[in-house]
């Protein structure tokens, strides 16, 4: 499911501005969480967690996806997607000052390798001069990894149940996005079913119930470390959708750079 979302981003962004697409997706996610939370009677959130829910909602989906969608709006999907996957590397970096963890030799090696993969993706085999694509887009993609890693560190500090926390943080973000879009006052005069469907798909899959499926997989797994590595199939399957649906010519430098990024993540995460 997560392998489809980079393609869905580009399909929706062909007609929507990032903030408009995020509104549709976030409203969809909120409805999804309300239905699931209501069905499981897990929609109540203790008052002590309201501030945390508000802060998490501002980070994700509001700030993180605005930055990420803006990056996808400027970059080819095969560039934006591998850069976004380095959030795992950024998580290890931020865990040092925020969680008091330390960087050992293995982690440093993995970090170095992953960012070497980023360089390969960006240069696309041209080592004589800087790449010609959008520098702001690259900056936004890398900035999104900082926001996403920060979100998960803050989320880790919370002891609230995941479903009601996501329900209320997304509900707050929906209200804020309605206000933002109302203030901006712009909306596409006409949209195709494809673009709207892609935005709804993003809300359901990228930002919605797939997280709950993943959490359930972790709970059922007898070897969480081994199971968690399956998520790294996602960026490679995603390249297939990017090539076949979007029609992008996926270069071997994108594939090779992604291999190096994931290898670095796996090395830094071993043990």
C-alpha atoms as a PDB file:
ATOM      1  CA  UNK A   1       0.000   0.000   0.000  1.00  0.00           C
ATOM      2  CA  UNK A   2       2.737   2.453   0.917  1.00  0.00           C
ATOM      3  CA  UNK A   3       4.417   1.677  -2.402  1.00  0.00           C
ATOM      4  CA  UNK A   4       1.571   3.383  -4.264  1.00  0.00           C
ATOM      5  CA  UNK A   5       1.618   6.748  -2.533  1.00  0.00           C
ATOM      6  CA  UNK A   6       4.513   8.462  -4.344  1.00  0.00           C
ATOM      7  CA  UNK A   7       2.572   7.905  -7.574  1.00  0.00           C
ATOM      8  CA  UNK A   8      -0.646   9.136  -5.952  1.00  0.00           C
ATOM      9  CA  UNK A   9       1.168  12.289  -4.778  1.00  0.00           C
ATOM     10  CA  UNK A  10       2.113  13.214  -8.337  1.00  0.00           C
ATOM     11  CA  UNK A  11      -1.325  12.383  -9.779  1.00  0.00           C
ATOM     12  CA  UNK A  12      -3.088  14.602  -7.237  1.00  0.00           C
ATOM     13  CA  UNK A  13      -0.523  17.408  -7.468  1.00  0.00           C
ATOM     14  CA  UNK A  14      -1.137  17.635 -11.202  1.00  0.00           C
ATOM     15  CA  UNK A  15      -4.369  19.499 -10.325  1.00  0.00           C
ATOM     16  CA  UNK A  16      -4.210  20.430  -6.632  1.00  0.00           C
ATOM     17  CA  UNK A  17      -1.913  22.774  -4.759  1.00  0.00           C
ATOM     18  CA  UNK A  18      -0.156  20.979  -1.854  1.00  0.00           C
ATOM     19  CA  UNK A  19      -2.351  22.648   0.785  1.00  0.00           C
ATOM     20  CA  UNK A  20      -5.523  21.740  -1.122  1.00  0.00           C
ATOM     21  CA  UNK A  21      -4.464  18.133  -1.590  1.00  0.00           C
ATOM     22  CA  UNK A  22      -3.557  17.901   2.079  1.00  0.00           C
ATOM     23  CA  UNK A  23      -7.016  19.126   3.092  1.00  0.00           C
ATOM     24  CA  UNK A  24      -8.747  16.385   1.081  1.00  0.00           C
ATOM     25  CA  UNK A  25      -6.349  13.725   2.358  1.00  0.00           C
ATOM     26  CA  UNK A  26      -6.535  14.809   5.998  1.00  0.00           C
ATOM     27  CA  UNK A  27     -10.340  14.964   6.020  1.00  0.00           C
ATOM     28  CA  UNK A  28     -10.353  11.447   4.543  1.00  0.00           C
ATOM     29  CA  UNK A  29      -7.926  10.198   7.215  1.00  0.00           C
ATOM     30  CA  UNK A  30      -9.992  11.779   9.983  1.00  0.00           C
ATOM     31  CA  UNK A  31     -13.163  10.075   8.769  1.00  0.00           C
ATOM     32  CA  UNK A  32     -11.213   6.803   8.560  1.00  0.00           C
ATOM     33  CA  UNK A  33     -10.000   7.119  12.165  1.00  0.00           C
ATOM     34  CA  UNK A  34     -13.472   8.118  13.401  1.00  0.00           C
ATOM     35  CA  UNK A  35     -15.022   5.029  11.787  1.00  0.00           C
ATOM     36  CA  UNK A  36     -12.333   2.681  13.117  1.00  0.00           C
ATOM     37  CA  UNK A  37     -12.165   4.349  16.529  1.00  0.00           C
ATOM     38  CA  UNK A  38     -15.939   4.339  16.892  1.00  0.00           C
ATOM     39  CA  UNK A  39     -16.130   0.692  15.866  1.00  0.00           C
ATOM     40  CA  UNK A  40     -13.517  -0.271  18.450  1.00  0.00           C
ATOM     41  CA  UNK A  41     -14.740   2.247  21.055  1.00  0.00           C
ATOM     42  CA  UNK A  42     -11.293   3.857  21.054  1.00  0.00           C
ATOM     43  CA  UNK A  43     -12.073   7.477  20.329  1.00  0.00           C
ATOM     44  CA  UNK A  44     -11.821   9.051  23.792  1.00  0.00           C
ATOM     45  CA  UNK A  45      -8.635  10.906  24.675  1.00  0.00           C
ATOM     46  CA  UNK A  46      -7.800  11.907  28.245  1.00  0.00           C
ATOM     47  CA  UNK A  47      -7.504  15.624  28.875  1.00  0.00           C
ATOM     48  CA  UNK A  48      -3.851  15.218  29.871  1.00  0.00           C
ATOM     49  CA  UNK A  49      -3.036  14.320  26.250  1.00  0.00           C
ATOM     50  CA  UNK A  50      -4.864  17.189  24.528  1.00  0.00           C
ATOM     51  CA  UNK A  51      -1.787  19.398  24.249  1.00  0.00           C
ATOM     52  CA  UNK A  52       0.288  16.515  22.903  1.00  0.00           C
ATOM     53  CA  UNK A  53      -2.424  15.682  20.365  1.00  0.00           C
ATOM     54  CA  UNK A  54      -2.472  19.320  19.219  1.00  0.00           C
ATOM     55  CA  UNK A  55       1.316  19.415  18.857  1.00  0.00           C
ATOM     56  CA  UNK A  56       1.406  16.093  17.013  1.00  0.00           C
ATOM     57  CA  UNK A  57      -1.365  17.252  14.683  1.00  0.00           C
ATOM     58  CA  UNK A  58       0.590  20.384  13.792  1.00  0.00           C
ATOM     59  CA  UNK A  59       3.674  18.278  13.035  1.00  0.00           C
ATOM     60  CA  UNK A  60       1.771  15.487  11.285  1.00  0.00           C
ATOM     61  CA  UNK A  61      -0.159  15.808   9.066  1.00  0.00           C
ATOM     62  CA  UNK A  62      -0.079  19.619   8.820  1.00  0.00           C
ATOM     63  CA  UNK A  63       3.570  20.662   8.664  1.00  0.00           C
ATOM     64  CA  UNK A  64       5.171  17.417   7.527  1.00  0.00           C
ATOM     65  CA  UNK A  65       2.900  16.777   4.568  1.00  0.00           C
ATOM     66  CA  UNK A  66       2.817  20.404   3.452  1.00  0.00           C
ATOM     67  CA  UNK A  67       6.613  20.299   3.203  1.00  0.00           C
ATOM     68  CA  UNK A  68       6.669  16.822   1.634  1.00  0.00           C
ATOM     69  CA  UNK A  69       3.961  17.601  -0.941  1.00  0.00           C
ATOM     70  CA  UNK A  70       5.757  20.827  -1.853  1.00  0.00           C
ATOM     71  CA  UNK A  71       8.901  18.745  -2.458  1.00  0.00           C
ATOM     72  CA  UNK A  72       7.016  16.289  -4.670  1.00  0.00           C
ATOM     73  CA  UNK A  73       5.479  19.227  -6.520  1.00  0.00           C
ATOM     74  CA  UNK A  74       8.978  20.385  -7.498  1.00  0.00           C
ATOM     75  CA  UNK A  75      10.858  17.109  -8.004  1.00  0.00           C
ATOM     76  CA  UNK A  76      10.486  13.900 -10.015  1.00  0.00           C
ATOM     77  CA  UNK A  77       8.984  11.185  -7.833  1.00  0.00           C
ATOM     78  CA  UNK A  78      12.083   8.985  -8.244  1.00  0.00           C
ATOM     79  CA  UNK A  79      14.152  11.768  -6.628  1.00  0.00           C
ATOM     80  CA  UNK A  80      11.762  12.901  -3.884  1.00  0.00           C
ATOM     81  CA  UNK A  81      10.910   9.413  -2.673  1.00  0.00           C
ATOM     82  CA  UNK A  82      14.453   8.160  -1.862  1.00  0.00           C
ATOM     83  CA  UNK A  83      15.270  11.472  -0.150  1.00  0.00           C
ATOM     84  CA  UNK A  84      12.188  11.123   2.029  1.00  0.00           C
ATOM     85  CA  UNK A  85      13.246   7.637   3.131  1.00  0.00           C
ATOM     86  CA  UNK A  86      16.286   9.079   4.891  1.00  0.00           C
ATOM     87  CA  UNK A  87      13.960  10.109   7.740  1.00  0.00           C
ATOM     88  CA  UNK A  88      15.096   6.885   9.444  1.00  0.00           C
ATOM     89  CA  UNK A  89      18.665   8.184   9.335  1.00  0.00           C
ATOM     90  CA  UNK A  90      17.568  11.559  10.673  1.00  0.00           C
ATOM     91  CA  UNK A  91      15.738   9.763  13.487  1.00  0.00           C
ATOM     92  CA  UNK A  92      19.053   8.266  14.647  1.00  0.00           C
ATOM     93  CA  UNK A  93      20.694  11.704  14.527  1.00  0.00           C
ATOM     94  CA  UNK A  94      17.935  13.483  16.489  1.00  0.00           C
ATOM     95  CA  UNK A  95      17.775  10.676  19.050  1.00  0.00           C
ATOM     96  CA  UNK A  96      21.200  11.783  20.310  1.00  0.00           C
ATOM     97  CA  UNK A  97      20.186  15.217  21.693  1.00  0.00           C
ATOM     98  CA  UNK A  98      16.471  14.488  22.251  1.00  0.00           C
ATOM     99  CA  UNK A  99      16.542  10.959  23.696  1.00  0.00           C
ATOM    100  CA  UNK A 100      20.064  10.874  25.096  1.00  0.00           C
ATOM    101  CA  UNK A 101      21.152   8.043  22.822  1.00  0.00           C
ATOM    102  CA  UNK A 102      24.656   7.798  21.417  1.00  0.00           C
ATOM    103  CA  UNK A 103      26.047   7.215  17.944  1.00  0.00           C
ATOM    104  CA  UNK A 104      28.254   4.136  17.863  1.00  0.00           C
ATOM    105  CA  UNK A 105      30.598   3.202  15.023  1.00  0.00           C
ATOM    106  CA  UNK A 106      28.026   1.041  13.243  1.00  0.00           C
ATOM    107  CA  UNK A 107      25.421   3.796  13.320  1.00  0.00           C
ATOM    108  CA  UNK A 108      27.875   6.402  12.029  1.00  0.00           C
ATOM    109  CA  UNK A 109      28.855   4.040   9.192  1.00  0.00           C
ATOM    110  CA  UNK A 110      25.211   3.523   8.276  1.00  0.00           C
ATOM    111  CA  UNK A 111      24.491   7.253   8.372  1.00  0.00           C
ATOM    112  CA  UNK A 112      27.457   8.018   6.140  1.00  0.00           C
ATOM    113  CA  UNK A 113      26.448   5.321   3.680  1.00  0.00           C
ATOM    114  CA  UNK A 114      22.825   6.490   3.512  1.00  0.00           C
ATOM    115  CA  UNK A 115      23.739  10.084   2.760  1.00  0.00           C
ATOM    116  CA  UNK A 116      26.241   8.870   0.166  1.00  0.00           C
ATOM    117  CA  UNK A 117      23.209   7.223  -1.455  1.00  0.00           C
ATOM    118  CA  UNK A 118      21.430  10.584  -1.382  1.00  0.00           C
ATOM    119  CA  UNK A 119      24.365  12.112  -3.281  1.00  0.00           C
ATOM    120  CA  UNK A 120      24.160   9.348  -5.898  1.00  0.00           C
ATOM    121  CA  UNK A 121      20.433   9.951  -6.378  1.00  0.00           C
ATOM    122  CA  UNK A 122      20.938  13.686  -6.728  1.00  0.00           C
ATOM    123  CA  UNK A 123      23.925  13.606  -9.083  1.00  0.00           C
ATOM    124  CA  UNK A 124      22.364  10.949 -11.369  1.00  0.00           C
ATOM    125  CA  UNK A 125      25.797   9.920 -12.608  1.00  0.00           C
ATOM    126  CA  UNK A 126      26.923  13.436 -13.480  1.00  0.00           C
ATOM    127  CA  UNK A 127      29.937  14.012 -11.235  1.00  0.00           C
ATOM    128  CA  UNK A 128      31.255  16.987 -13.197  1.00  0.00           C
ATOM    129  CA  UNK A 129      28.676  19.603 -12.153  1.00  0.00           C
ATOM    130  CA  UNK A 130      25.770  20.164  -9.787  1.00  0.00           C
ATOM    131  CA  UNK A 131      22.355  18.757 -10.795  1.00  0.00           C
ATOM    132  CA  UNK A 132      19.940  20.996 -12.672  1.00  0.00           C
ATOM    133  CA  UNK A 133      16.719  20.097 -10.855  1.00  0.00           C
ATOM    134  CA  UNK A 134      15.036  22.211  -8.207  1.00  0.00           C
ATOM    135  CA  UNK A 135      17.312  22.939  -5.222  1.00  0.00           C
ATOM    136  CA  UNK A 136      14.352  24.157  -3.150  1.00  0.00           C
ATOM    137  CA  UNK A 137      12.621  20.841  -3.781  1.00  0.00           C
ATOM    138  CA  UNK A 138      15.650  18.904  -2.491  1.00  0.00           C
ATOM    139  CA  UNK A 139      15.809  21.162   0.576  1.00  0.00           C
ATOM    140  CA  UNK A 140      12.105  20.587   1.262  1.00  0.00           C
ATOM    141  CA  UNK A 141      12.453  16.811   0.878  1.00  0.00           C
ATOM    142  CA  UNK A 142      15.337  16.700   3.341  1.00  0.00           C
ATOM    143  CA  UNK A 143      13.549  19.107   5.704  1.00  0.00           C
ATOM    144  CA  UNK A 144      10.574  16.739   5.748  1.00  0.00           C
ATOM    145  CA  UNK A 145      12.823  14.034   7.221  1.00  0.00           C
ATOM    146  CA  UNK A 146      13.637  16.297  10.189  1.00  0.00           C
ATOM    147  CA  UNK A 147       9.942  16.976  10.848  1.00  0.00           C
ATOM    148  CA  UNK A 148       8.966  13.315  10.502  1.00  0.00           C
ATOM    149  CA  UNK A 149      11.775  12.093  12.779  1.00  0.00           C
ATOM    150  CA  UNK A 150      10.845  14.755  15.341  1.00  0.00           C
ATOM    151  CA  UNK A 151       7.219  13.641  15.164  1.00  0.00           C
ATOM    152  CA  UNK A 152       8.101  10.025  15.950  1.00  0.00           C
ATOM    153  CA  UNK A 153      10.384  11.001  18.832  1.00  0.00           C
ATOM    154  CA  UNK A 154       7.606  13.110  20.347  1.00  0.00           C
ATOM    155  CA  UNK A 155       5.109  10.331  19.660  1.00  0.00           C
ATOM    156  CA  UNK A 156       7.380   7.885  21.475  1.00  0.00           C
ATOM    157  CA  UNK A 157       7.300  10.052  24.587  1.00  0.00           C
ATOM    158  CA  UNK A 158       3.489   9.830  24.728  1.00  0.00           C
ATOM    159  CA  UNK A 159       1.834   6.936  26.550  1.00  0.00           C
ATOM    160  CA  UNK A 160      -1.587   7.556  24.983  1.00  0.00           C
ATOM    161  CA  UNK A 161      -3.210   4.873  22.807  1.00  0.00           C
ATOM    162  CA  UNK A 162      -2.269   5.334  19.142  1.00  0.00           C
ATOM    163  CA  UNK A 163      -5.760   5.340  17.588  1.00  0.00           C
ATOM    164  CA  UNK A 164      -7.452   8.081  19.663  1.00  0.00           C
ATOM    165  CA  UNK A 165      -4.264  10.150  19.551  1.00  0.00           C
ATOM    166  CA  UNK A 166      -4.197  10.012  15.745  1.00  0.00           C
ATOM    167  CA  UNK A 167      -7.943  10.609  15.528  1.00  0.00           C
ATOM    168  CA  UNK A 168      -7.844  13.851  17.500  1.00  0.00           C
ATOM    169  CA  UNK A 169      -4.556  15.139  16.101  1.00  0.00           C
ATOM    170  CA  UNK A 170      -5.871  14.655  12.555  1.00  0.00           C
ATOM    171  CA  UNK A 171      -9.220  16.229  13.493  1.00  0.00           C
ATOM    172  CA  UNK A 172      -7.389  19.329  14.738  1.00  0.00           C
ATOM    173  CA  UNK A 173      -5.257  19.434  11.595  1.00  0.00           C
ATOM    174  CA  UNK A 174      -8.427  19.217   9.476  1.00  0.00           C
ATOM    175  CA  UNK A 175      -9.851  22.307  11.197  1.00  0.00           C
ATOM    176  CA  UNK A 176      -6.600  24.220  10.706  1.00  0.00           C
ATOM    177  CA  UNK A 177      -6.434  23.223   7.044  1.00  0.00           C
ATOM    178  CA  UNK A 178     -10.029  24.334   6.486  1.00  0.00           C
ATOM    179  CA  UNK A 179      -9.100  27.736   7.939  1.00  0.00           C
ATOM    180  CA  UNK A 180      -5.894  27.949   5.860  1.00  0.00           C
ATOM    181  CA  UNK A 181      -7.663  27.022   2.617  1.00  0.00           C
ATOM    182  CA  UNK A 182     -10.493  29.420   3.424  1.00  0.00           C
ATOM    183  CA  UNK A 183      -7.996  32.210   4.017  1.00  0.00           C
ATOM    184  CA  UNK A 184      -6.135  31.469   0.781  1.00  0.00           C
ATOM    185  CA  UNK A 185      -9.462  31.407  -1.045  1.00  0.00           C
ATOM    186  CA  UNK A 186      -8.216  29.438  -4.037  1.00  0.00           C
ATOM    187  CA  UNK A 187      -9.540  26.122  -5.272  1.00  0.00           C
ATOM    188  CA  UNK A 188      -9.303  24.412  -8.674  1.00  0.00           C
ATOM    189  CA  UNK A 189     -12.189  25.422 -10.935  1.00  0.00           C
ATOM    190  CA  UNK A 190     -12.508  21.808 -12.063  1.00  0.00           C
ATOM    191  CA  UNK A 191     -10.871  18.575 -10.958  1.00  0.00           C
ATOM    192  CA  UNK A 192     -10.831  15.146 -12.526  1.00  0.00           C
ATOM    193  CA  UNK A 193     -11.994  12.018 -10.760  1.00  0.00           C
ATOM    194  CA  UNK A 194      -8.427  10.726 -10.972  1.00  0.00           C
ATOM    195  CA  UNK A 195      -6.941  13.626  -8.995  1.00  0.00           C
ATOM    196  CA  UNK A 196      -9.654  13.536  -6.326  1.00  0.00           C
ATOM    197  CA  UNK A 197      -9.378   9.755  -6.046  1.00  0.00           C
ATOM    198  CA  UNK A 198      -5.608  10.037  -5.673  1.00  0.00           C
ATOM    199  CA  UNK A 199      -6.012  12.583  -2.833  1.00  0.00           C
ATOM    200  CA  UNK A 200      -8.560  10.330  -1.089  1.00  0.00           C
ATOM    201  CA  UNK A 201      -6.244   7.343  -1.575  1.00  0.00           C
ATOM    202  CA  UNK A 202      -3.439   9.304   0.090  1.00  0.00           C
ATOM    203  CA  UNK A 203      -5.694   9.990   3.069  1.00  0.00           C
ATOM    204  CA  UNK A 204      -6.698   6.343   3.401  1.00  0.00           C
ATOM    205  CA  UNK A 205      -3.394   4.632   2.642  1.00  0.00           C
ATOM    206  CA  UNK A 206      -0.456   6.983   3.238  1.00  0.00           C
ATOM    207  CA  UNK A 207      -1.937   8.763   6.256  1.00  0.00           C
ATOM    208  CA  UNK A 208      -4.714   6.414   7.394  1.00  0.00           C
ATOM    209  CA  UNK A 209      -5.332   2.784   8.161  1.00  0.00           C
ATOM    210  CA  UNK A 210      -1.997   1.491   6.848  1.00  0.00           C
ATOM    211  CA  UNK A 211      -0.392   2.790  10.060  1.00  0.00           C
ATOM    212  CA  UNK A 212      -2.848   0.674  12.039  1.00  0.00           C
ATOM    213  CA  UNK A 213      -2.054  -2.371   9.879  1.00  0.00           C
ATOM    214  CA  UNK A 214       1.647  -1.782  10.501  1.00  0.00           C
ATOM    215  CA  UNK A 215       1.152  -1.476  14.262  1.00  0.00           C
ATOM    216  CA  UNK A 216      -0.878  -4.693  14.215  1.00  0.00           C
ATOM    217  CA  UNK A 217       1.877  -6.427  12.239  1.00  0.00           C
ATOM    218  CA  UNK A 218       4.424  -5.386  14.853  1.00  0.00           C
ATOM    219  CA  UNK A 219       2.168  -6.672  17.653  1.00  0.00           C
ATOM    220  CA  UNK A 220       1.717 -10.074  15.965  1.00  0.00           C
ATOM    221  CA  UNK A 221       5.345 -10.508  14.909  1.00  0.00           C
ATOM    222  CA  UNK A 222       7.586 -12.953  16.748  1.00  0.00           C
ATOM    223  CA  UNK A 223      10.633 -11.083  15.413  1.00  0.00           C
ATOM    224  CA  UNK A 224       9.906  -7.374  15.194  1.00  0.00           C
ATOM    225  CA  UNK A 225      13.364  -6.445  13.884  1.00  0.00           C
ATOM    226  CA  UNK A 226      13.059  -8.851  10.961  1.00  0.00           C
ATOM    227  CA  UNK A 227       9.458  -7.873  10.216  1.00  0.00           C
ATOM    228  CA  UNK A 228      10.236  -4.157  10.363  1.00  0.00           C
ATOM    229  CA  UNK A 229      12.821  -4.573   7.591  1.00  0.00           C
ATOM    230  CA  UNK A 230      10.012  -5.562   5.210  1.00  0.00           C
ATOM    231  CA  UNK A 231       9.041  -1.882   5.012  1.00  0.00           C
ATOM    232  CA  UNK A 232      12.127  -1.327   2.851  1.00  0.00           C
ATOM    233  CA  UNK A 233      10.534  -3.310   0.038  1.00  0.00           C
ATOM    234  CA  UNK A 234       8.206  -0.339  -0.319  1.00  0.00           C
ATOM    235  CA  UNK A 235      10.540   2.197  -2.042  1.00  0.00           C
ATOM    236  CA  UNK A 236      11.660  -0.373  -4.619  1.00  0.00           C
ATOM    237  CA  UNK A 237       8.112  -1.464  -5.477  1.00  0.00           C
ATOM    238  CA  UNK A 238       7.259   2.229  -5.621  1.00  0.00           C
ATOM    239  CA  UNK A 239       9.759   2.762  -8.438  1.00  0.00           C
ATOM    240  CA  UNK A 240       7.782   0.246 -10.523  1.00  0.00           C
ATOM    241  CA  UNK A 241       4.600   2.309 -10.101  1.00  0.00           C
ATOM    242  CA  UNK A 242       6.507   5.528 -10.811  1.00  0.00           C
ATOM    243  CA  UNK A 243       7.769   4.066 -14.093  1.00  0.00           C
ATOM    244  CA  UNK A 244       4.578   2.339 -15.254  1.00  0.00           C
ATOM    245  CA  UNK A 245       1.878   4.759 -14.065  1.00  0.00           C
ATOM    246  CA  UNK A 246       3.640   8.138 -14.121  1.00  0.00           C
ATOM    247  CA  UNK A 247       5.820   7.255 -17.090  1.00  0.00           C
ATOM    248  CA  UNK A 248       9.022   8.530 -15.496  1.00  0.00           C
ATOM    249  CA  UNK A 249      12.190   6.965 -16.843  1.00  0.00           C
ATOM    250  CA  UNK A 250      13.655   5.501 -13.663  1.00  0.00           C
ATOM    251  CA  UNK A 251      17.439   5.640 -13.955  1.00  0.00           C
ATOM    252  CA  UNK A 252      19.865   3.101 -12.563  1.00  0.00           C
ATOM    253  CA  UNK A 253      21.346   5.914 -10.472  1.00  0.00           C
ATOM    254  CA  UNK A 254      17.993   6.317  -8.696  1.00  0.00           C
ATOM    255  CA  UNK A 255      17.796   2.580  -8.088  1.00  0.00           C
ATOM    256  CA  UNK A 256      21.446   2.315  -7.057  1.00  0.00           C
ATOM    257  CA  UNK A 257      21.250   5.332  -4.776  1.00  0.00           C
ATOM    258  CA  UNK A 258      18.151   3.880  -3.120  1.00  0.00           C
ATOM    259  CA  UNK A 259      19.965   0.566  -2.577  1.00  0.00           C
ATOM    260  CA  UNK A 260      22.817   2.441  -0.854  1.00  0.00           C
ATOM    261  CA  UNK A 261      20.372   4.472   1.293  1.00  0.00           C
ATOM    262  CA  UNK A 262      18.529   1.362   2.477  1.00  0.00           C
ATOM    263  CA  UNK A 263      21.806  -0.523   3.060  1.00  0.00           C
ATOM    264  CA  UNK A 264      22.953   2.315   5.301  1.00  0.00           C
ATOM    265  CA  UNK A 265      19.661   2.265   7.210  1.00  0.00           C
ATOM    266  CA  UNK A 266      19.896  -1.489   7.763  1.00  0.00           C
ATOM    267  CA  UNK A 267      23.522  -1.266   8.909  1.00  0.00           C
ATOM    268  CA  UNK A 268      22.785   1.550  11.371  1.00  0.00           C
ATOM    269  CA  UNK A 269      19.718  -0.287  12.666  1.00  0.00           C
ATOM    270  CA  UNK A 270      21.312  -3.697  13.264  1.00  0.00           C
ATOM    271  CA  UNK A 271      21.287  -4.783  16.884  1.00  0.00           C
END
